Amino acid sequence: MYVITKEFSFCASHLLIGLPANHPCSKLHGHNYVVIAELKTDFVDQTGFVVDYRKLDPIKQYLDSKFDHQHLNDVIDFNPTAENLAAHLFCMFIKTFPMLSAIIVKETPKTSARYDTS
């Protein structure tokens, strides 16, 4: 099995709905997000690629145009947790990239959420 990943990043603010008022995430705050797209397949193309990394540019373009330097609560209609963002991005791109096996959203270097096909 071949597995590749590509990382993307964006900066955005958010606050999470449904938390106690004293929870730090219920207050306006921001993150330097890292999004990792993982693609998996049994075969590579004639060049030896799972997919040319440059063909993943639609993911970068989407993140840059929709999320970068935005307040996420204003641009999406769901609670902007890392988990919900990972699922949203996976569903956005699975048709474009059928080998997409997971999306990981990191809010900090130590925290991440993964949405995958398993």
N, C-alpha and C. Protein backbone atom coordinates (compact mmCIF):
# COMPACT_ATOMS: atom_id res chain seq x y z
N MET A 1 0.85 -1.18 0.00
CA MET A 1 0.00 0.00 0.00
C MET A 1 0.89 1.24 0.00
N TYR A 2 0.60 2.16 -0.88
CA TYR A 2 1.30 3.44 -0.93
C TYR A 2 0.47 4.48 -0.19
N VAL A 3 1.13 5.29 0.61
CA VAL A 3 0.46 6.37 1.34
C VAL A 3 1.30 7.63 1.19
N ILE A 4 0.66 8.72 0.77
CA ILE A 4 1.32 10.02 0.72
C ILE A 4 0.53 11.01 1.55
N THR A 5 1.20 12.05 1.98
CA THR A 5 0.53 13.14 2.69
C THR A 5 1.05 14.46 2.15
N LYS A 6 0.20 15.46 2.26
CA LYS A 6 0.62 16.82 1.96
C LYS A 6 0.01 17.73 3.01
N GLU A 7 0.82 18.68 3.49
CA GLU A 7 0.37 19.62 4.52
C GLU A 7 0.04 20.97 3.90
N PHE A 8 -0.99 21.56 4.46
CA PHE A 8 -1.44 22.90 4.09
C PHE A 8 -1.61 23.67 5.40
N SER A 9 -1.66 24.98 5.32
CA SER A 9 -1.86 25.75 6.55
C SER A 9 -2.73 26.96 6.29
N PHE A 10 -3.36 27.41 7.36
CA PHE A 10 -4.11 28.66 7.33
C PHE A 10 -4.22 29.19 8.75
N CYS A 11 -4.46 30.47 8.88
CA CYS A 11 -4.65 31.13 10.17
C CYS A 11 -6.09 31.59 10.26
N ALA A 12 -6.73 31.33 11.38
CA ALA A 12 -8.12 31.73 11.54
C ALA A 12 -8.48 31.82 13.01
N SER A 13 -9.56 32.54 13.28
CA SER A 13 -10.11 32.62 14.63
C SER A 13 -11.40 31.83 14.69
N HIS A 14 -11.82 31.51 15.89
CA HIS A 14 -13.12 30.87 16.11
C HIS A 14 -13.44 30.91 17.60
N LEU A 15 -14.64 30.53 17.90
CA LEU A 15 -15.03 30.22 19.26
C LEU A 15 -15.99 29.05 19.17
N LEU A 16 -16.00 28.24 20.20
CA LEU A 16 -16.81 27.02 20.16
C LEU A 16 -18.09 27.21 20.96
N ILE A 17 -19.17 26.80 20.36
CA ILE A 17 -20.51 26.92 20.94
C ILE A 17 -20.78 25.68 21.81
N GLY A 18 -21.49 25.89 22.90
CA GLY A 18 -21.93 24.78 23.73
C GLY A 18 -21.00 24.43 24.88
N LEU A 19 -19.99 25.24 25.09
CA LEU A 19 -19.07 25.02 26.20
C LEU A 19 -19.43 25.94 27.35
N PRO A 20 -19.01 25.59 28.56
CA PRO A 20 -19.24 26.50 29.69
C PRO A 20 -18.57 27.85 29.43
N ALA A 21 -19.14 28.91 29.96
CA ALA A 21 -18.62 30.26 29.74
C ALA A 21 -17.17 30.41 30.19
N ASN A 22 -16.76 29.64 31.18
CA ASN A 22 -15.39 29.77 31.67
C ASN A 22 -14.39 28.88 30.90
N HIS A 23 -14.85 28.13 29.93
CA HIS A 23 -13.94 27.30 29.12
C HIS A 23 -13.18 28.20 28.15
N PRO A 24 -11.86 28.06 28.05
CA PRO A 24 -11.09 28.97 27.18
C PRO A 24 -11.52 28.94 25.71
N CYS A 25 -12.03 27.81 25.24
CA CYS A 25 -12.42 27.72 23.82
C CYS A 25 -13.78 28.35 23.53
N SER A 26 -14.48 28.76 24.59
CA SER A 26 -15.76 29.45 24.37
C SER A 26 -15.53 30.93 24.09
N LYS A 27 -14.30 31.37 24.27
CA LYS A 27 -13.93 32.76 24.00
C LYS A 27 -13.27 32.86 22.63
N LEU A 28 -13.34 34.03 22.03
CA LEU A 28 -12.69 34.27 20.75
C LEU A 28 -11.19 34.01 20.87
N HIS A 29 -10.67 33.17 19.97
CA HIS A 29 -9.24 32.87 19.95
C HIS A 29 -8.88 32.38 18.55
N GLY A 30 -7.60 32.23 18.29
CA GLY A 30 -7.17 31.83 16.96
C GLY A 30 -6.14 30.72 16.99
N HIS A 31 -5.94 30.15 15.80
CA HIS A 31 -4.97 29.07 15.63
C HIS A 31 -4.23 29.25 14.32
N ASN A 32 -3.02 28.71 14.28
CA ASN A 32 -2.30 28.51 13.03
C ASN A 32 -2.53 27.05 12.67
N TYR A 33 -3.59 26.81 11.90
CA TYR A 33 -4.01 25.46 11.57
C TYR A 33 -3.07 24.81 10.57
N VAL A 34 -2.91 23.51 10.72
CA VAL A 34 -2.24 22.68 9.71
C VAL A 34 -3.24 21.61 9.32
N VAL A 35 -3.44 21.46 8.01
CA VAL A 35 -4.33 20.44 7.46
C VAL A 35 -3.46 19.46 6.69
N ILE A 36 -3.61 18.18 7.00
CA ILE A 36 -2.84 17.14 6.32
C ILE A 36 -3.82 16.27 5.55
N ALA A 37 -3.59 16.20 4.23
CA ALA A 37 -4.37 15.31 3.37
C ALA A 37 -3.56 14.03 3.18
N GLU A 38 -4.20 12.90 3.41
CA GLU A 38 -3.55 11.60 3.23
C GLU A 38 -4.25 10.86 2.10
N LEU A 39 -3.48 10.34 1.16
CA LEU A 39 -4.01 9.57 0.04
C LEU A 39 -3.36 8.19 0.05
N LYS A 40 -4.16 7.17 -0.26
CA LYS A 40 -3.70 5.80 -0.15
C LYS A 40 -4.15 5.01 -1.37
N THR A 41 -3.27 4.16 -1.89
CA THR A 41 -3.61 3.31 -3.03
C THR A 41 -2.66 2.12 -3.11
N ASP A 42 -3.06 1.12 -3.87
CA ASP A 42 -2.21 -0.04 -4.12
C ASP A 42 -1.27 0.17 -5.29
N PHE A 43 -1.54 1.18 -6.11
CA PHE A 43 -0.80 1.34 -7.36
C PHE A 43 -0.30 2.78 -7.52
N VAL A 44 0.81 2.92 -8.22
CA VAL A 44 1.30 4.24 -8.60
C VAL A 44 1.17 4.39 -10.11
N ASP A 45 1.23 5.63 -10.60
CA ASP A 45 1.12 5.87 -12.03
C ASP A 45 2.45 5.58 -12.74
N GLN A 46 2.51 5.86 -14.03
CA GLN A 46 3.71 5.57 -14.83
C GLN A 46 4.95 6.30 -14.29
N THR A 47 4.73 7.45 -13.69
CA THR A 47 5.84 8.23 -13.13
C THR A 47 6.32 7.66 -11.81
N GLY A 48 5.45 6.91 -11.15
CA GLY A 48 5.75 6.40 -9.83
C GLY A 48 5.07 7.17 -8.72
N PHE A 49 4.09 8.00 -9.09
CA PHE A 49 3.35 8.81 -8.13
C PHE A 49 2.03 8.15 -7.72
N VAL A 50 1.64 8.34 -6.48
CA VAL A 50 0.25 8.11 -6.09
C VAL A 50 -0.58 9.18 -6.79
N VAL A 51 -0.18 10.41 -6.63
CA VAL A 51 -0.72 11.56 -7.36
C VAL A 51 0.35 12.65 -7.29
N ASP A 52 0.47 13.40 -8.34
CA ASP A 52 1.40 14.53 -8.34
C ASP A 52 0.93 15.51 -7.26
N TYR A 53 1.81 15.85 -6.34
CA TYR A 53 1.43 16.75 -5.24
C TYR A 53 0.82 18.06 -5.75
N ARG A 54 1.25 18.50 -6.90
CA ARG A 54 0.72 19.77 -7.44
C ARG A 54 -0.76 19.64 -7.79
N LYS A 55 -1.24 18.45 -8.03
CA LYS A 55 -2.67 18.26 -8.34
C LYS A 55 -3.54 18.43 -7.10
N LEU A 56 -2.92 18.53 -5.93
CA LEU A 56 -3.67 18.76 -4.69
C LEU A 56 -3.91 20.25 -4.43
N ASP A 57 -3.48 21.10 -5.36
CA ASP A 57 -3.66 22.55 -5.20
C ASP A 57 -5.10 22.99 -4.92
N PRO A 58 -6.14 22.28 -5.42
CA PRO A 58 -7.50 22.72 -5.06
C PRO A 58 -7.76 22.77 -3.55
N ILE A 59 -7.09 21.92 -2.81
CA ILE A 59 -7.26 21.95 -1.35
C ILE A 59 -6.68 23.25 -0.80
N LYS A 60 -5.48 23.60 -1.24
CA LYS A 60 -4.84 24.84 -0.81
C LYS A 60 -5.70 26.05 -1.21
N GLN A 61 -6.19 26.04 -2.43
CA GLN A 61 -7.00 27.16 -2.91
C GLN A 61 -8.27 27.31 -2.08
N TYR A 62 -8.90 26.20 -1.73
CA TYR A 62 -10.10 26.25 -0.91
C TYR A 62 -9.79 26.82 0.48
N LEU A 63 -8.74 26.30 1.11
CA LEU A 63 -8.38 26.79 2.45
C LEU A 63 -8.03 28.27 2.42
N ASP A 64 -7.27 28.69 1.40
CA ASP A 64 -6.88 30.09 1.30
C ASP A 64 -8.07 31.01 1.07
N SER A 65 -8.99 30.59 0.22
CA SER A 65 -10.11 31.47 -0.12
C SER A 65 -11.23 31.45 0.91
N LYS A 66 -11.43 30.33 1.57
CA LYS A 66 -12.58 30.19 2.48
C LYS A 66 -12.21 30.43 3.96
N PHE A 67 -11.03 29.98 4.38
CA PHE A 67 -10.71 29.96 5.80
C PHE A 67 -9.58 30.90 6.23
N ASP A 68 -8.59 31.14 5.37
CA ASP A 68 -7.41 31.87 5.81
C ASP A 68 -7.75 33.30 6.22
N HIS A 69 -7.32 33.66 7.42
CA HIS A 69 -7.55 34.98 8.01
C HIS A 69 -9.04 35.33 8.09
N GLN A 70 -9.83 34.34 8.42
CA GLN A 70 -11.28 34.51 8.60
C GLN A 70 -11.65 34.13 10.04
N HIS A 71 -12.83 34.56 10.44
CA HIS A 71 -13.43 34.08 11.68
C HIS A 71 -14.32 32.91 11.26
N LEU A 72 -13.93 31.69 11.61
CA LEU A 72 -14.59 30.50 11.10
C LEU A 72 -16.09 30.46 11.38
N ASN A 73 -16.50 30.99 12.53
CA ASN A 73 -17.94 31.00 12.84
C ASN A 73 -18.74 31.79 11.82
N ASP A 74 -18.10 32.72 11.11
CA ASP A 74 -18.79 33.53 10.11
C ASP A 74 -18.85 32.87 8.74
N VAL A 75 -18.00 31.87 8.48
CA VAL A 75 -17.92 31.33 7.12
C VAL A 75 -18.38 29.88 6.99
N ILE A 76 -18.68 29.22 8.11
CA ILE A 76 -19.22 27.87 8.06
C ILE A 76 -20.45 27.79 8.95
N ASP A 77 -21.30 26.80 8.68
CA ASP A 77 -22.57 26.71 9.40
C ASP A 77 -22.58 25.55 10.40
N PHE A 78 -21.42 25.23 10.96
CA PHE A 78 -21.32 24.20 11.99
C PHE A 78 -20.31 24.67 13.04
N ASN A 79 -20.34 24.04 14.20
CA ASN A 79 -19.41 24.40 15.27
C ASN A 79 -17.99 24.08 14.79
N PRO A 80 -17.09 25.07 14.73
CA PRO A 80 -15.80 24.89 14.09
C PRO A 80 -14.75 24.18 14.96
N THR A 81 -15.08 22.97 15.39
CA THR A 81 -14.10 22.14 16.08
C THR A 81 -13.15 21.55 15.05
N ALA A 82 -11.99 21.10 15.48
CA ALA A 82 -11.06 20.43 14.58
C ALA A 82 -11.70 19.18 13.98
N GLU A 83 -12.48 18.48 14.79
CA GLU A 83 -13.17 17.27 14.31
C GLU A 83 -14.13 17.60 13.17
N ASN A 84 -14.95 18.63 13.37
CA ASN A 84 -15.91 19.02 12.33
C ASN A 84 -15.22 19.55 11.08
N LEU A 85 -14.13 20.28 11.26
CA LEU A 85 -13.39 20.78 10.10
C LEU A 85 -12.79 19.62 9.30
N ALA A 86 -12.25 18.62 9.99
CA ALA A 86 -11.67 17.46 9.30
C ALA A 86 -12.73 16.73 8.48
N ALA A 87 -13.89 16.50 9.07
CA ALA A 87 -14.97 15.82 8.35
C ALA A 87 -15.44 16.65 7.16
N HIS A 88 -15.60 17.94 7.37
CA HIS A 88 -16.03 18.84 6.29
C HIS A 88 -15.06 18.79 5.12
N LEU A 89 -13.77 18.90 5.40
CA LEU A 89 -12.77 18.90 4.34
C LEU A 89 -12.71 17.55 3.63
N PHE A 90 -12.84 16.48 4.39
CA PHE A 90 -12.84 15.15 3.77
C PHE A 90 -14.01 15.04 2.79
N CYS A 91 -15.19 15.41 3.23
CA CYS A 91 -16.38 15.33 2.37
C CYS A 91 -16.28 16.26 1.16
N MET A 92 -15.62 17.41 1.34
CA MET A 92 -15.43 18.35 0.22
C MET A 92 -14.58 17.75 -0.88
N PHE A 93 -13.57 16.95 -0.52
CA PHE A 93 -12.56 16.56 -1.49
C PHE A 93 -12.52 15.09 -1.86
N ILE A 94 -13.35 14.26 -1.27
CA ILE A 94 -13.30 12.83 -1.59
C ILE A 94 -13.70 12.56 -3.04
N LYS A 95 -14.61 13.32 -3.60
CA LYS A 95 -14.99 13.11 -5.00
C LYS A 95 -13.88 13.54 -5.95
N THR A 96 -13.19 14.61 -5.63
CA THR A 96 -12.09 15.11 -6.46
C THR A 96 -10.88 14.19 -6.36
N PHE A 97 -10.65 13.65 -5.16
CA PHE A 97 -9.49 12.79 -4.92
C PHE A 97 -9.97 11.47 -4.32
N PRO A 98 -10.38 10.51 -5.16
CA PRO A 98 -10.94 9.25 -4.65
C PRO A 98 -9.97 8.44 -3.78
N MET A 99 -8.68 8.70 -3.90
CA MET A 99 -7.69 8.00 -3.07
C MET A 99 -7.52 8.66 -1.70
N LEU A 100 -8.25 9.75 -1.45
CA LEU A 100 -8.18 10.43 -0.16
C LEU A 100 -8.60 9.45 0.93
N SER A 101 -7.73 9.22 1.89
CA SER A 101 -8.04 8.26 2.95
C SER A 101 -8.24 8.94 4.31
N ALA A 102 -7.73 10.17 4.45
CA ALA A 102 -7.89 10.86 5.73
C ALA A 102 -7.58 12.34 5.57
N ILE A 103 -8.21 13.12 6.43
CA ILE A 103 -7.86 14.53 6.63
C ILE A 103 -7.58 14.69 8.11
N ILE A 104 -6.45 15.31 8.40
CA ILE A 104 -6.08 15.62 9.78
C ILE A 104 -6.04 17.14 9.91
N VAL A 105 -6.66 17.65 10.96
CA VAL A 105 -6.63 19.08 11.24
C VAL A 105 -5.93 19.27 12.58
N LYS A 106 -4.84 20.03 12.54
CA LYS A 106 -4.07 20.33 13.75
C LYS A 106 -4.32 21.79 14.12
N GLU A 107 -4.77 22.00 15.36
CA GLU A 107 -4.93 23.35 15.87
C GLU A 107 -3.64 23.84 16.52
N THR A 108 -2.90 22.93 17.09
CA THR A 108 -1.61 23.23 17.71
C THR A 108 -0.66 22.10 17.34
N PRO A 109 0.64 22.25 17.59
CA PRO A 109 1.56 21.15 17.30
C PRO A 109 1.26 19.88 18.09
N LYS A 110 0.52 20.00 19.20
CA LYS A 110 0.25 18.84 20.05
C LYS A 110 -1.17 18.30 19.97
N THR A 111 -2.07 18.98 19.21
CA THR A 111 -3.46 18.53 19.16
C THR A 111 -3.91 18.39 17.71
N SER A 112 -4.64 17.32 17.45
CA SER A 112 -5.15 17.12 16.09
C SER A 112 -6.41 16.28 16.13
N ALA A 113 -7.18 16.37 15.05
CA ALA A 113 -8.35 15.54 14.84
C ALA A 113 -8.23 14.93 13.47
N ARG A 114 -8.62 13.67 13.36
CA ARG A 114 -8.50 12.92 12.10
C ARG A 114 -9.87 12.40 11.69
N TYR A 115 -10.20 12.59 10.42
CA TYR A 115 -11.40 11.98 9.83
C TYR A 115 -10.91 11.09 8.72
N ASP A 116 -11.27 9.79 8.77
CA ASP A 116 -10.78 8.87 7.75
C ASP A 116 -11.83 7.89 7.30
N THR A 117 -11.44 7.01 6.39
CA THR A 117 -12.36 6.08 5.76
C THR A 117 -12.55 4.80 6.54
N SER A 118 -11.86 4.61 7.65
CA SER A 118 -12.00 3.34 8.38
C SER A 118 -13.22 3.31 9.26
